[in-house]
């Protein structure tokens, strides 16, 4: 049976990356009042950020941005990041030749970094 990478498979490496950058970070957490689950939340210098991770095409960025904005609002912040990984990443297996951490940190992605200044920037972690 072949395994398949899912969004949640990427969380530990993304969380670890944010921690190495000095961010206080936690993974998928349930917001009790709404029974919703932001993918990743981090704080830096007293500012809270919501991170939504998607494995799909750029077409999901708008929907994911709206979702991240809702979560950010529930957490009383204007800051959120949407990381859209290409759908092709799902084709990698969890074991074997590919190093998952390298895949997560070096796969080109299209994030939408939005907040009070509405910055947009394409990059990889």
Foldseek 3Di string as FASTA:
>chain_A
DFAWDAQLNLLVLVQVVVVVVPKAKDAWDADVVVRDTFGMWIDDPRAIETEHEEADDPVCQVVSVVVRCVVCVVVVFQWYKYWYAYNCNRVDTPDDDDDSSCCQQPGWTFMFTQGPVRDGDTGGD
